[in-house]
Amino acid sequence: MIRNILFDMGEVLIRFDRKYFIDRLGVDPGDRELLMREVFLALEWAQLDWGSITDEEAVASICRRVPERLHEVVRKLVTLWDRPILPVEGMEELVRELKGRGFRIFLLSNASVRQHDYWPRVPGADCFEDTLISADVKCVKPLPEIYAMAFRKFGILPEESLFIDDSAVNIEEARQSGMQGIVFHGDTAELRRKLCELSVL
């Protein structure tokens, strides 16, 4: 029986739309590809999730590779992408419904240490009993170790748990760890149908 539901954060609870983040800063179209490559697809972004560098170190490192006119844009993309938070439609309501049904709700996310600053602004965050963030434990999904860490930290059994993530790779590893899993494709109605099939809703 499922008693615990674990959620990913980006593209599950909140949107992480890299193109939108770049465009809303009024970036010249000719710089979009450069910023995508050198910020969001760069080694530094992975290092932030691993907790191996700070935001300031990431910004400084990236700025060494881009023109000076883009340095302030880089800083904002690294440190202010979450202003404002962009909720995934319908997910707050679903989280609150699941909480109301008695499920224990947890967060398991790859994110930098700054997640703790913006997490309270994520709609529905108050429903979560606990969180495990990759940067805090120096381990990222889909490594099996992070799932074991989550079970220990949350005090839950994998066979009583369900994980919802937008990455099929992460969900497959969750299943290998003993949990059930659902790949979220951005469609809350589809997710509700899958939860009904599992007798969660």
C-alpha atoms as a PDB file:
ATOM      1  CA  MET A   1       0.000   0.000   0.000  1.00  0.00           C
ATOM      2  CA  ILE A   2       1.295   3.456  -0.915  1.00  0.00           C
ATOM      3  CA  ARG A   3       1.664   5.688   2.137  1.00  0.00           C
ATOM      4  CA  ASN A   4       4.346   8.131   0.984  1.00  0.00           C
ATOM      5  CA  ILE A   5       4.519  10.293  -2.116  1.00  0.00           C
ATOM      6  CA  LEU A   6       7.794  11.893  -3.161  1.00  0.00           C
ATOM      7  CA  PHE A   7       7.870  14.720  -5.676  1.00  0.00           C
ATOM      8  CA  ASP A   8      10.595  16.175  -7.828  1.00  0.00           C
ATOM      9  CA  MET A   9      10.507  19.973  -7.999  1.00  0.00           C
ATOM     10  CA  GLY A  10      11.565  21.420 -11.384  1.00  0.00           C
ATOM     11  CA  GLU A  11       9.028  20.756 -14.144  1.00  0.00           C
ATOM     12  CA  VAL A  12       6.828  18.967 -11.618  1.00  0.00           C
ATOM     13  CA  LEU A  13       5.895  21.498  -8.941  1.00  0.00           C
ATOM     14  CA  ILE A  14       7.355  24.548 -10.655  1.00  0.00           C
ATOM     15  CA  ARG A  15       8.325  25.349 -14.214  1.00  0.00           C
ATOM     16  CA  PHE A  16      11.996  25.456 -15.066  1.00  0.00           C
ATOM     17  CA  ASP A  17      11.770  27.063 -18.487  1.00  0.00           C
ATOM     18  CA  ARG A  18      15.300  28.060 -19.447  1.00  0.00           C
ATOM     19  CA  LYS A  19      14.257  29.841 -22.657  1.00  0.00           C
ATOM     20  CA  TYR A  20      11.692  31.875 -20.751  1.00  0.00           C
ATOM     21  CA  PHE A  21      14.248  32.853 -18.106  1.00  0.00           C
ATOM     22  CA  ILE A  22      16.588  34.128 -20.819  1.00  0.00           C
ATOM     23  CA  ASP A  23      13.932  35.917 -22.869  1.00  0.00           C
ATOM     24  CA  ARG A  24      12.355  37.754 -19.951  1.00  0.00           C
ATOM     25  CA  LEU A  25      15.679  39.521 -19.359  1.00  0.00           C
ATOM     26  CA  GLY A  26      15.392  41.166 -22.776  1.00  0.00           C
ATOM     27  CA  VAL A  27      18.402  39.344 -24.154  1.00  0.00           C
ATOM     28  CA  ASP A  28      19.383  39.972 -27.764  1.00  0.00           C
ATOM     29  CA  PRO A  29      18.259  36.961 -29.851  1.00  0.00           C
ATOM     30  CA  GLY A  30      21.820  36.463 -30.994  1.00  0.00           C
ATOM     31  CA  ASP A  31      22.923  35.775 -27.405  1.00  0.00           C
ATOM     32  CA  ARG A  32      20.257  33.219 -26.491  1.00  0.00           C
ATOM     33  CA  GLU A  33      22.135  30.137 -27.662  1.00  0.00           C
ATOM     34  CA  LEU A  34      25.342  31.310 -25.989  1.00  0.00           C
ATOM     35  CA  LEU A  35      23.599  31.847 -22.654  1.00  0.00           C
ATOM     36  CA  MET A  36      21.770  28.542 -22.843  1.00  0.00           C
ATOM     37  CA  ARG A  37      25.032  26.707 -23.482  1.00  0.00           C
ATOM     38  CA  GLU A  38      27.227  28.623 -21.053  1.00  0.00           C
ATOM     39  CA  VAL A  39      24.745  28.857 -18.156  1.00  0.00           C
ATOM     40  CA  PHE A  40      22.076  26.178 -18.064  1.00  0.00           C
ATOM     41  CA  LEU A  41      23.943  23.482 -20.022  1.00  0.00           C
ATOM     42  CA  ALA A  42      27.339  24.202 -18.497  1.00  0.00           C
ATOM     43  CA  LEU A  43      29.357  22.207 -15.994  1.00  0.00           C
ATOM     44  CA  GLU A  44      28.767  24.883 -13.360  1.00  0.00           C
ATOM     45  CA  TRP A  45      25.017  24.205 -13.305  1.00  0.00           C
ATOM     46  CA  ALA A  46      25.697  20.530 -12.599  1.00  0.00           C
ATOM     47  CA  GLN A  47      28.184  21.533  -9.917  1.00  0.00           C
ATOM     48  CA  LEU A  48      25.539  23.687  -8.248  1.00  0.00           C
ATOM     49  CA  ASP A  49      23.259  20.652  -8.037  1.00  0.00           C
ATOM     50  CA  TRP A  50      26.145  18.649  -6.575  1.00  0.00           C
ATOM     51  CA  GLY A  51      26.800  21.378  -4.021  1.00  0.00           C
ATOM     52  CA  SER A  52      30.430  21.569  -5.081  1.00  0.00           C
ATOM     53  CA  ILE A  53      30.438  25.302  -5.888  1.00  0.00           C
ATOM     54  CA  THR A  54      28.561  28.381  -4.675  1.00  0.00           C
ATOM     55  CA  ASP A  55      26.389  30.662  -6.793  1.00  0.00           C
ATOM     56  CA  GLU A  56      29.114  33.293  -6.661  1.00  0.00           C
ATOM     57  CA  GLU A  57      31.742  30.837  -7.856  1.00  0.00           C
ATOM     58  CA  ALA A  58      29.460  29.660 -10.663  1.00  0.00           C
ATOM     59  CA  VAL A  59      28.805  33.218 -11.834  1.00  0.00           C
ATOM     60  CA  ALA A  60      32.502  34.104 -11.763  1.00  0.00           C
ATOM     61  CA  SER A  61      33.449  30.980 -13.695  1.00  0.00           C
ATOM     62  CA  ILE A  62      30.772  31.442 -16.360  1.00  0.00           C
ATOM     63  CA  CYS A  63      31.581  35.128 -16.769  1.00  0.00           C
ATOM     64  CA  ARG A  64      35.124  34.242 -17.770  1.00  0.00           C
ATOM     65  CA  ARG A  65      33.669  32.658 -20.902  1.00  0.00           C
ATOM     66  CA  VAL A  66      31.091  35.246 -21.982  1.00  0.00           C
ATOM     67  CA  PRO A  67      31.327  38.899 -23.069  1.00  0.00           C
ATOM     68  CA  GLU A  68      31.332  41.463 -20.269  1.00  0.00           C
ATOM     69  CA  ARG A  69      28.023  42.908 -21.514  1.00  0.00           C
ATOM     70  CA  LEU A  70      26.374  39.624 -20.470  1.00  0.00           C
ATOM     71  CA  HIS A  71      27.841  39.371 -16.978  1.00  0.00           C
ATOM     72  CA  GLU A  72      24.818  40.885 -15.231  1.00  0.00           C
ATOM     73  CA  VAL A  73      22.520  38.642 -17.253  1.00  0.00           C
ATOM     74  CA  VAL A  74      24.532  35.603 -16.137  1.00  0.00           C
ATOM     75  CA  ARG A  75      24.256  36.705 -12.505  1.00  0.00           C
ATOM     76  CA  LYS A  76      20.493  37.043 -12.783  1.00  0.00           C
ATOM     77  CA  LEU A  77      20.089  33.695 -14.534  1.00  0.00           C
ATOM     78  CA  VAL A  78      22.026  31.926 -11.792  1.00  0.00           C
ATOM     79  CA  THR A  79      20.683  33.747  -8.747  1.00  0.00           C
ATOM     80  CA  LEU A  80      17.279  35.152  -9.707  1.00  0.00           C
ATOM     81  CA  TRP A  81      15.683  32.621 -12.081  1.00  0.00           C
ATOM     82  CA  ASP A  82      13.148  31.856  -9.334  1.00  0.00           C
ATOM     83  CA  ARG A  83      11.719  35.383  -9.255  1.00  0.00           C
ATOM     84  CA  PRO A  84       8.926  34.912  -9.776  1.00  0.00           C
ATOM     85  CA  ILE A  85       8.206  31.248  -9.103  1.00  0.00           C
ATOM     86  CA  LEU A  86       6.238  29.739 -11.993  1.00  0.00           C
ATOM     87  CA  PRO A  87       3.932  27.003 -10.645  1.00  0.00           C
ATOM     88  CA  VAL A  88       2.946  24.008 -12.755  1.00  0.00           C
ATOM     89  CA  GLU A  89      -0.797  24.382 -13.176  1.00  0.00           C
ATOM     90  CA  GLY A  90      -2.857  22.151 -10.924  1.00  0.00           C
ATOM     91  CA  MET A  91       0.009  20.717  -8.897  1.00  0.00           C
ATOM     92  CA  GLU A  92      -0.548  22.714  -5.719  1.00  0.00           C
ATOM     93  CA  GLU A  93      -4.154  21.541  -5.631  1.00  0.00           C
ATOM     94  CA  LEU A  94      -3.093  17.936  -6.191  1.00  0.00           C
ATOM     95  CA  VAL A  95      -0.465  18.084  -3.442  1.00  0.00           C
ATOM     96  CA  ARG A  96      -3.003  19.508  -1.002  1.00  0.00           C
ATOM     97  CA  GLU A  97      -5.542  16.848  -1.941  1.00  0.00           C
ATOM     98  CA  LEU A  98      -3.028  14.066  -1.391  1.00  0.00           C
ATOM     99  CA  LYS A  99      -2.023  15.558   1.944  1.00  0.00           C
ATOM    100  CA  GLY A 100      -5.675  15.753   2.917  1.00  0.00           C
ATOM    101  CA  ARG A 101      -6.064  12.056   2.094  1.00  0.00           C
ATOM    102  CA  GLY A 102      -3.423  11.224   4.665  1.00  0.00           C
ATOM    103  CA  PHE A 103      -0.389  10.611   2.478  1.00  0.00           C
ATOM    104  CA  ARG A 104       3.010  11.696   3.744  1.00  0.00           C
ATOM    105  CA  ILE A 105       4.449  14.167   1.224  1.00  0.00           C
ATOM    106  CA  PHE A 106       8.179  14.634   0.594  1.00  0.00           C
ATOM    107  CA  LEU A 107      10.478  16.417  -1.865  1.00  0.00           C
ATOM    108  CA  LEU A 108      13.448  14.750  -3.584  1.00  0.00           C
ATOM    109  CA  SER A 109      15.115  17.171  -5.965  1.00  0.00           C
ATOM    110  CA  ASN A 110      18.362  17.970  -7.716  1.00  0.00           C
ATOM    111  CA  ALA A 111      18.931  21.605  -6.763  1.00  0.00           C
ATOM    112  CA  SER A 112      21.525  24.002  -5.382  1.00  0.00           C
ATOM    113  CA  VAL A 113      21.737  24.997  -1.730  1.00  0.00           C
ATOM    114  CA  ARG A 114      19.816  28.178  -2.595  1.00  0.00           C
ATOM    115  CA  GLN A 115      16.706  25.999  -2.907  1.00  0.00           C
ATOM    116  CA  HIS A 116      16.136  26.537   0.799  1.00  0.00           C
ATOM    117  CA  ASP A 117      15.713  30.273   0.157  1.00  0.00           C
ATOM    118  CA  TYR A 118      12.990  30.007  -2.474  1.00  0.00           C
ATOM    119  CA  TRP A 119      11.299  26.789  -1.356  1.00  0.00           C
ATOM    120  CA  PRO A 120       8.854  28.605   0.975  1.00  0.00           C
ATOM    121  CA  ARG A 121       7.565  30.515  -2.090  1.00  0.00           C
ATOM    122  CA  VAL A 122       6.704  27.316  -3.967  1.00  0.00           C
ATOM    123  CA  PRO A 123       2.921  26.837  -3.810  1.00  0.00           C
ATOM    124  CA  GLY A 124       2.090  23.855  -1.618  1.00  0.00           C
ATOM    125  CA  ALA A 125       5.485  23.769   0.104  1.00  0.00           C
ATOM    126  CA  ASP A 126       3.747  23.845   3.483  1.00  0.00           C
ATOM    127  CA  CYS A 127       2.309  20.374   2.755  1.00  0.00           C
ATOM    128  CA  PHE A 128       5.742  18.741   2.611  1.00  0.00           C
ATOM    129  CA  GLU A 129       6.899  16.906   5.698  1.00  0.00           C
ATOM    130  CA  ASP A 130      10.566  16.971   4.718  1.00  0.00           C
ATOM    131  CA  THR A 131      12.900  17.586   1.776  1.00  0.00           C
ATOM    132  CA  LEU A 132      16.121  16.114   0.439  1.00  0.00           C
ATOM    133  CA  ILE A 133      18.133  18.366  -1.874  1.00  0.00           C
ATOM    134  CA  SER A 134      21.055  17.042  -3.881  1.00  0.00           C
ATOM    135  CA  ALA A 135      23.447  19.871  -3.031  1.00  0.00           C
ATOM    136  CA  ASP A 136      22.992  19.211   0.698  1.00  0.00           C
ATOM    137  CA  VAL A 137      24.060  15.575   0.420  1.00  0.00           C
ATOM    138  CA  LYS A 138      26.584  15.907  -2.446  1.00  0.00           C
ATOM    139  CA  CYS A 139      24.718  13.319  -4.502  1.00  0.00           C
ATOM    140  CA  VAL A 140      22.281  13.647  -7.407  1.00  0.00           C
ATOM    141  CA  LYS A 141      19.503  11.673  -9.060  1.00  0.00           C
ATOM    142  CA  PRO A 142      19.581   9.164 -10.656  1.00  0.00           C
ATOM    143  CA  LEU A 143      22.424   7.762  -8.522  1.00  0.00           C
ATOM    144  CA  PRO A 144      20.980   4.971  -6.369  1.00  0.00           C
ATOM    145  CA  GLU A 145      22.621   6.369  -3.249  1.00  0.00           C
ATOM    146  CA  ILE A 146      20.346   9.409  -3.162  1.00  0.00           C
ATOM    147  CA  TYR A 147      17.225   7.237  -3.055  1.00  0.00           C
ATOM    148  CA  ALA A 148      18.644   5.270  -0.129  1.00  0.00           C
ATOM    149  CA  MET A 149      19.428   8.569   1.591  1.00  0.00           C
ATOM    150  CA  ALA A 150      15.825   9.678   1.096  1.00  0.00           C
ATOM    151  CA  PHE A 151      14.427   6.491   2.631  1.00  0.00           C
ATOM    152  CA  ARG A 152      16.683   6.916   5.670  1.00  0.00           C
ATOM    153  CA  LYS A 153      16.085  10.641   6.126  1.00  0.00           C
ATOM    154  CA  PHE A 154      12.322  10.419   5.709  1.00  0.00           C
ATOM    155  CA  GLY A 155      12.017   7.200   7.709  1.00  0.00           C
ATOM    156  CA  ILE A 156       9.987   5.477   4.993  1.00  0.00           C
ATOM    157  CA  LEU A 157       9.911   2.122   3.252  1.00  0.00           C
ATOM    158  CA  PRO A 158      10.446   2.022  -0.526  1.00  0.00           C
ATOM    159  CA  GLU A 159       7.652  -0.494  -1.036  1.00  0.00           C
ATOM    160  CA  GLU A 160       5.232   1.983   0.546  1.00  0.00           C
ATOM    161  CA  SER A 161       6.420   4.894  -1.563  1.00  0.00           C
ATOM    162  CA  LEU A 162       5.680   6.502  -4.940  1.00  0.00           C
ATOM    163  CA  PHE A 163       7.958   8.954  -6.759  1.00  0.00           C
ATOM    164  CA  ILE A 164       6.796  11.527  -9.315  1.00  0.00           C
ATOM    165  CA  ASP A 165       9.512  13.021 -11.542  1.00  0.00           C
ATOM    166  CA  ASP A 166       9.696  14.414 -15.083  1.00  0.00           C
ATOM    167  CA  SER A 167      12.760  12.292 -15.903  1.00  0.00           C
ATOM    168  CA  ALA A 168      12.211   8.714 -17.039  1.00  0.00           C
ATOM    169  CA  VAL A 169      15.787   7.869 -15.999  1.00  0.00           C
ATOM    170  CA  ASN A 170      15.114   9.087 -12.466  1.00  0.00           C
ATOM    171  CA  ILE A 171      11.901   7.108 -12.283  1.00  0.00           C
ATOM    172  CA  GLU A 172      13.555   3.920 -13.525  1.00  0.00           C
ATOM    173  CA  GLU A 173      16.194   4.204 -10.812  1.00  0.00           C
ATOM    174  CA  ALA A 174      13.442   4.887  -8.263  1.00  0.00           C
ATOM    175  CA  ARG A 175      11.789   1.644  -9.335  1.00  0.00           C
ATOM    176  CA  GLN A 176      15.111  -0.172  -9.056  1.00  0.00           C
ATOM    177  CA  SER A 177      15.297   1.113  -5.486  1.00  0.00           C
ATOM    178  CA  GLY A 178      11.952  -0.483  -4.678  1.00  0.00           C
ATOM    179  CA  MET A 179       9.567   2.436  -5.140  1.00  0.00           C
ATOM    180  CA  GLN A 180       6.781   2.789  -7.616  1.00  0.00           C
ATOM    181  CA  GLY A 181       7.128   5.734  -9.985  1.00  0.00           C
ATOM    182  CA  ILE A 182       5.289   7.940 -12.434  1.00  0.00           C
ATOM    183  CA  VAL A 183       6.934   9.997 -15.191  1.00  0.00           C
ATOM    184  CA  PHE A 184       5.246  13.403 -15.214  1.00  0.00           C
ATOM    185  CA  HIS A 185       4.825  14.959 -18.668  1.00  0.00           C
ATOM    186  CA  GLY A 186       3.459  18.320 -17.529  1.00  0.00           C
ATOM    187  CA  ASP A 187      -0.167  17.196 -17.712  1.00  0.00           C
ATOM    188  CA  THR A 188      -1.781  17.193 -14.280  1.00  0.00           C
ATOM    189  CA  ALA A 189      -4.934  15.524 -15.590  1.00  0.00           C
ATOM    190  CA  GLU A 190      -2.848  12.636 -16.952  1.00  0.00           C
ATOM    191  CA  LEU A 191      -1.058  12.368 -13.610  1.00  0.00           C
ATOM    192  CA  ARG A 192      -4.381  12.202 -11.793  1.00  0.00           C
ATOM    193  CA  ARG A 193      -5.476   9.351 -14.050  1.00  0.00           C
ATOM    194  CA  LYS A 194      -2.292   7.429 -13.281  1.00  0.00           C
ATOM    195  CA  LEU A 195      -2.773   8.033  -9.550  1.00  0.00           C
ATOM    196  CA  CYS A 196      -6.298   6.671  -9.855  1.00  0.00           C
ATOM    197  CA  GLU A 197      -4.942   3.550 -11.545  1.00  0.00           C
ATOM    198  CA  LEU A 198      -2.724   3.051  -8.490  1.00  0.00           C
ATOM    199  CA  SER A 199      -5.736   3.620  -6.173  1.00  0.00           C
ATOM    200  CA  VAL A 200      -4.057   6.718  -4.739  1.00  0.00           C
ATOM    201  CA  LEU A 201      -6.947   8.966  -5.810  1.00  0.00           C
END
